[in-house]
Amino acid sequence: NNLQITVKLVENGRGSAFLFSRKIGDELTVLYPFGYFGLPDSIAEELVFIGTGTGLIPLLSILESFSANTKPKL
């Protein structure tokens, strides 16, 4: 029942300024992600992940979900 987010404070960024101004205990209404971002169950070749900004976070989530046997070397 936890939500973990990563936010970079961007100068004049409306979203990051809003989130950084919140205090512990503040309530927020959030929407779940729409769409799908993931990997197929079976992968036959090596993969390269490239991401910047907000595109990095889904990649980190995928990497963290690998089991100890399939986790790639970073």
Protein backbone atom coordinates (compact mmCIF):
# COMPACT_ATOMS: atom_id res chain seq x y z
CA ASN A 1 0.00 0.00 0.00
CA ASN A 2 2.89 2.33 -0.70
CA LEU A 3 3.52 4.58 -3.64
CA GLN A 4 7.08 5.52 -4.46
CA ILE A 5 7.76 8.31 -6.93
CA THR A 6 10.88 10.01 -8.15
CA VAL A 7 10.68 13.74 -8.82
CA LYS A 8 13.33 16.09 -10.09
CA LEU A 9 12.78 19.73 -9.15
CA VAL A 10 12.80 21.61 -12.44
CA GLU A 11 13.14 25.39 -12.42
CA ASN A 12 9.72 26.85 -13.38
CA GLY A 13 8.36 23.30 -13.63
CA ARG A 14 4.70 23.33 -12.63
CA GLY A 15 4.49 19.65 -11.73
CA SER A 16 7.69 19.37 -9.76
CA ALA A 17 7.06 22.68 -7.95
CA PHE A 18 3.62 21.41 -6.93
CA LEU A 19 4.98 18.11 -5.62
CA PHE A 20 7.91 19.70 -3.78
CA SER A 21 5.51 22.08 -2.01
CA ARG A 22 3.56 19.14 -0.46
CA LYS A 23 4.13 18.19 3.14
CA ILE A 24 4.11 14.78 4.82
CA GLY A 25 0.50 13.85 5.47
CA ASP A 26 -0.92 15.86 2.58
CA GLU A 27 -3.44 13.90 0.56
CA LEU A 28 -3.24 13.75 -3.21
CA THR A 29 -5.62 12.34 -5.77
CA VAL A 30 -3.72 10.38 -8.39
CA LEU A 31 -4.69 8.44 -11.48
CA TYR A 32 -3.14 5.12 -12.32
CA PRO A 33 -1.04 4.84 -15.48
CA PHE A 34 -2.94 4.41 -18.70
CA GLY A 35 -1.47 2.00 -21.21
CA TYR A 36 1.20 -0.67 -20.86
CA PHE A 37 4.95 -0.54 -20.56
CA GLY A 38 6.69 -3.84 -20.03
CA LEU A 39 8.55 -6.78 -21.45
CA PRO A 40 7.27 -10.05 -22.94
CA ASP A 41 7.55 -13.19 -20.79
CA SER A 42 10.23 -14.65 -23.04
CA ILE A 43 13.20 -12.70 -24.40
CA ALA A 44 15.59 -14.40 -26.81
CA GLU A 45 18.21 -11.67 -27.20
CA GLU A 46 20.08 -9.10 -25.15
CA LEU A 47 18.33 -5.82 -24.43
CA VAL A 48 19.56 -2.25 -24.13
CA PHE A 49 17.52 0.21 -22.10
CA ILE A 50 17.80 3.90 -22.94
CA GLY A 51 15.81 6.57 -21.15
CA THR A 52 16.05 10.15 -19.94
CA GLY A 53 13.89 12.26 -17.71
CA THR A 54 10.55 10.64 -16.92
CA GLY A 55 11.33 7.86 -19.38
CA LEU A 56 13.95 6.51 -16.99
CA ILE A 57 11.55 5.60 -14.20
CA PRO A 58 9.61 2.87 -16.06
CA LEU A 59 12.93 1.33 -17.07
CA LEU A 60 14.11 1.25 -13.46
CA SER A 61 10.87 -0.42 -12.43
CA ILE A 62 11.33 -3.12 -15.08
CA LEU A 63 14.94 -3.73 -14.04
CA GLU A 64 13.91 -4.02 -10.38
CA SER A 65 11.27 -6.62 -11.28
CA PHE A 66 13.76 -9.10 -12.73
CA SER A 67 14.39 -12.13 -10.53
CA ALA A 68 17.88 -12.82 -9.19
CA ASN A 69 18.37 -15.40 -11.95
CA THR A 70 17.47 -13.10 -14.82
CA LYS A 71 18.61 -9.73 -13.53
CA PRO A 72 20.99 -8.13 -16.03
CA LYS A 73 24.43 -6.89 -15.04
CA LEU A 74 24.39 -3.12 -14.64
